[in-house]
Amino acid sequence: MKKVLIVATRNAHKVQEIAAMLPAGYEVHSLADFPSAPEVEESAATFAGNAALKACGISSLLPGMVLADDSGLCVDALGGAPGVMSARYAGVHGDDAANNARLLHELAELPQPHTARFMCCMCVAEGGRVLAEFTGKVEGQITLTPAGEHGFGYDPLFVPAGYDCTMAQLSAEQKNAISHRADALQQFLAWAGSEQAPTA
């Protein structure tokens, strides 16, 4: 009997990453499978707050366990920006090219290295009630020369600590072994009592 998990997003990239890191015993659905489900406004000031808003909002409408995450890039030289505004840093939600362009513009005249981290806060809810929360992160720095064809978001600009390539130059398997989302998801699996670790 598979464990059904609803991931509270319509972001196909995010759902694909999460599904790839979960053991075979999970049956993953996204909001794309529930066309009538509303968009929950991410109005909180923190990743954790936004994840809770989405998880609680969707789980109050759909049966079963709902997992929501809010994640983004925090650059030290920009005071933690883009932060919770990562997906809409340039004004239009999900415009990766514009978001990357704005980030490069903001950093162009600032001294290097541009230390940064990807953050991911996950919230699990059922029946509109928070069951657990998890936080993952991966440290690194921003390169002003985009590279790589994989991943999404700021991956072409983010060089993980200990690597000499961007996140977008890693294979999906390599990224899923070190990413902020993998970090948080491993904590979720430990909480859920799974005996299987995410595939690396």
Protein backbone atom coordinates (compact mmCIF):
# COMPACT_ATOMS: atom_id res chain seq x y z
CA MET A 1 0.00 0.00 0.00
CA LYS A 2 1.62 3.22 -1.15
CA LYS A 3 1.65 6.34 1.00
CA VAL A 4 -0.19 9.13 -0.83
CA LEU A 5 1.47 12.54 -0.59
CA ILE A 6 0.07 15.71 -2.12
CA VAL A 7 2.75 18.29 -2.91
CA ALA A 8 1.15 21.73 -2.72
CA THR A 9 2.57 23.24 -5.88
CA ARG A 10 1.98 23.41 -9.63
CA ASN A 11 5.72 23.82 -10.25
CA ALA A 12 6.53 20.74 -12.33
CA HIS A 13 10.29 21.05 -11.70
CA LYS A 14 9.78 21.04 -7.93
CA VAL A 15 7.38 18.08 -8.02
CA GLN A 16 9.77 16.13 -10.24
CA GLU A 17 12.67 16.71 -7.83
CA ILE A 18 10.64 15.70 -4.78
CA ALA A 19 9.21 12.60 -6.46
CA ALA A 20 12.70 11.51 -7.57
CA MET A 21 14.00 11.72 -4.02
CA LEU A 22 11.16 9.83 -2.36
CA PRO A 23 11.24 6.04 -1.89
CA ALA A 24 9.14 3.87 -4.19
CA GLY A 25 6.54 3.48 -1.45
CA TYR A 26 5.19 6.98 -2.08
CA GLU A 27 2.51 7.99 -4.57
CA VAL A 28 3.05 11.67 -5.32
CA HIS A 29 0.37 14.06 -6.54
CA SER A 30 0.60 17.79 -7.17
CA LEU A 31 -1.95 20.56 -7.46
CA ALA A 32 -1.91 19.93 -11.20
CA ASP A 33 -3.97 16.84 -10.34
CA PHE A 34 -6.54 19.03 -8.59
CA PRO A 35 -7.48 21.82 -11.05
CA SER A 36 -10.04 23.32 -8.67
CA ALA A 37 -7.52 23.77 -5.86
CA PRO A 38 -6.82 27.48 -5.30
CA GLU A 39 -3.51 29.28 -5.38
CA VAL A 40 -2.50 30.10 -1.82
CA GLU A 41 -1.01 33.57 -1.52
CA GLU A 42 2.54 33.44 -0.16
CA SER A 43 2.15 36.48 2.07
CA ALA A 44 4.42 35.48 4.97
CA ALA A 45 7.78 37.12 5.63
CA THR A 46 9.64 33.80 5.98
CA PHE A 47 10.06 30.57 4.04
CA ALA A 48 8.61 28.62 6.97
CA GLY A 49 5.60 30.90 7.14
CA ASN A 50 4.83 30.52 3.44
CA ALA A 51 5.24 26.75 3.56
CA ALA A 52 2.78 26.57 6.47
CA LEU A 53 0.28 28.80 4.67
CA LYS A 54 0.30 26.51 1.64
CA ALA A 55 0.27 23.22 3.54
CA CYS A 56 -2.53 24.25 5.87
CA GLY A 57 -4.56 25.97 3.15
CA ILE A 58 -4.49 23.01 0.78
CA SER A 59 -4.87 20.32 3.44
CA SER A 60 -8.02 22.02 4.69
CA LEU A 61 -9.54 21.41 1.24
CA LEU A 62 -8.06 18.06 0.17
CA PRO A 63 -7.96 14.79 2.11
CA GLY A 64 -4.70 13.21 3.18
CA MET A 65 -1.20 14.43 3.94
CA VAL A 66 -0.02 17.60 2.21
CA LEU A 67 3.61 18.64 1.86
CA ALA A 68 4.43 22.24 0.96
CA ASP A 69 7.78 23.90 0.62
CA ASP A 70 8.99 27.42 0.17
CA SER A 71 12.53 27.82 -0.95
CA GLY A 72 14.85 30.39 -2.37
CA LEU A 73 18.26 31.96 -2.58
CA CYS A 74 19.74 34.15 0.14
CA VAL A 75 22.77 36.25 -0.83
CA ASP A 76 24.78 37.74 2.04
CA ALA A 77 25.89 40.87 0.17
CA LEU A 78 22.22 41.68 -0.53
CA GLY A 79 21.11 41.29 3.07
CA GLY A 80 19.56 37.89 2.40
CA ALA A 81 17.77 38.88 -0.81
CA PRO A 82 16.13 37.67 -2.95
CA GLY A 83 14.93 35.43 -0.08
CA VAL A 84 11.17 34.85 -0.03
CA MET A 85 10.95 36.94 -3.21
CA SER A 86 13.23 34.54 -5.13
CA ALA A 87 10.59 33.32 -7.59
CA ARG A 88 9.41 36.84 -8.37
CA TYR A 89 12.58 38.87 -7.80
CA ALA A 90 12.25 40.64 -11.15
CA GLY A 91 8.50 41.16 -10.80
CA VAL A 92 7.00 38.24 -12.69
CA HIS A 93 6.58 34.96 -10.82
CA GLY A 94 8.66 32.14 -12.29
CA ASP A 95 10.61 34.20 -14.85
CA ASP A 96 13.98 32.55 -14.22
CA ALA A 97 15.86 34.50 -16.90
CA ALA A 98 14.68 37.86 -15.57
CA ASN A 99 15.35 36.88 -11.95
CA ASN A 100 18.89 35.79 -12.80
CA ALA A 101 19.48 38.97 -14.79
CA ARG A 102 18.39 41.15 -11.87
CA LEU A 103 20.59 39.22 -9.45
CA LEU A 104 23.62 39.65 -11.71
CA HIS A 105 22.88 43.36 -12.04
CA GLU A 106 22.62 43.77 -8.25
CA LEU A 107 25.94 42.01 -7.67
CA ALA A 108 27.93 43.42 -10.60
CA GLU A 109 29.65 46.20 -8.65
CA LEU A 110 29.92 44.44 -5.28
CA PRO A 111 33.14 42.77 -4.11
CA GLN A 112 33.49 39.02 -4.54
CA PRO A 113 33.09 36.30 -3.40
CA HIS A 114 29.32 36.52 -3.24
CA THR A 115 28.55 33.99 -0.49
CA ALA A 116 25.02 32.64 -0.54
CA ARG A 117 22.83 29.69 0.36
CA PHE A 118 19.77 27.96 -0.97
CA MET A 119 17.13 27.52 1.76
CA CYS A 120 14.16 25.18 1.81
CA CYS A 121 11.46 25.07 4.47
CA MET A 122 8.95 22.21 4.28
CA CYS A 123 5.70 21.89 6.16
CA VAL A 124 3.52 18.79 6.44
CA ALA A 125 -0.14 19.31 7.27
CA GLU A 126 -3.37 17.37 7.39
CA GLY A 127 -6.88 18.70 7.88
CA GLY A 128 -5.58 22.27 8.00
CA ARG A 129 -3.23 21.51 10.90
CA VAL A 130 0.59 21.57 10.89
CA LEU A 131 2.08 18.17 11.69
CA ALA A 132 5.78 18.92 11.27
CA GLU A 133 8.25 21.40 9.77
CA PHE A 134 11.74 20.89 8.36
CA THR A 135 14.50 23.23 7.15
CA GLY A 136 17.26 22.36 4.68
CA LYS A 137 20.07 24.41 3.19
CA VAL A 138 23.14 24.22 0.99
CA GLU A 139 25.95 26.76 1.24
CA GLY A 140 27.84 28.18 -1.72
CA GLN A 141 28.50 31.32 -3.70
CA ILE A 142 27.24 33.15 -6.77
CA THR A 143 29.19 33.22 -10.00
CA LEU A 144 28.68 36.13 -12.39
CA THR A 145 29.09 33.77 -15.33
CA PRO A 146 26.01 31.55 -15.74
CA ALA A 147 26.76 27.94 -16.67
CA GLY A 148 24.86 24.68 -17.07
CA GLU A 149 21.69 23.43 -18.68
CA HIS A 150 20.14 21.43 -15.85
CA GLY A 151 17.96 22.45 -12.93
CA PHE A 152 15.94 25.64 -12.78
CA GLY A 153 15.75 28.97 -10.99
CA TYR A 154 19.13 30.30 -9.87
CA ASP A 155 20.93 26.97 -10.44
CA PRO A 156 23.09 28.36 -13.32
CA LEU A 157 24.53 30.99 -10.95
CA PHE A 158 24.99 28.97 -7.74
CA VAL A 159 28.25 27.12 -7.05
CA PRO A 160 27.79 24.74 -4.09
CA ALA A 161 30.52 24.71 -1.45
CA GLY A 162 33.18 22.15 -2.33
CA TYR A 163 32.33 22.19 -6.04
CA ASP A 164 33.88 24.03 -8.98
CA CYS A 165 30.72 23.99 -11.09
CA THR A 166 27.24 25.42 -10.80
CA MET A 167 24.19 23.55 -9.59
CA ALA A 168 22.94 23.60 -13.20
CA GLN A 169 26.03 21.68 -14.31
CA LEU A 170 25.25 18.79 -11.96
CA SER A 171 23.12 15.86 -13.03
CA ALA A 172 19.71 15.50 -11.41
CA GLU A 173 21.10 12.67 -9.29
CA GLN A 174 24.08 14.75 -8.13
CA LYS A 175 21.89 17.75 -7.30
CA ASN A 176 19.38 15.62 -5.43
CA ALA A 177 22.18 14.27 -3.24
CA ILE A 178 23.24 17.70 -1.93
CA SER A 179 20.40 20.16 -2.45
CA HIS A 180 18.52 22.16 0.16
CA ARG A 181 15.35 20.34 -0.86
CA ALA A 182 17.04 16.96 -0.36
CA ASP A 183 18.21 18.06 3.09
CA ALA A 184 14.67 18.98 4.17
CA LEU A 185 13.15 15.90 2.52
CA GLN A 186 15.52 13.55 4.34
CA GLN A 187 14.30 15.06 7.60
CA PHE A 188 10.70 14.52 6.46
CA LEU A 189 11.41 10.87 5.70
CA ALA A 190 13.00 10.34 9.10
CA TRP A 191 9.93 11.89 10.70
CA ALA A 192 7.59 9.80 8.57
CA GLY A 193 9.34 6.68 9.76
CA SER A 194 10.58 5.60 6.37
CA GLU A 195 13.35 3.02 6.44
CA GLN A 196 14.50 4.06 2.99
CA ALA A 197 16.68 7.11 2.40
CA PRO A 198 16.16 9.28 -0.70
CA THR A 199 18.01 7.96 -3.72
CA ALA A 200 21.26 9.79 -4.41
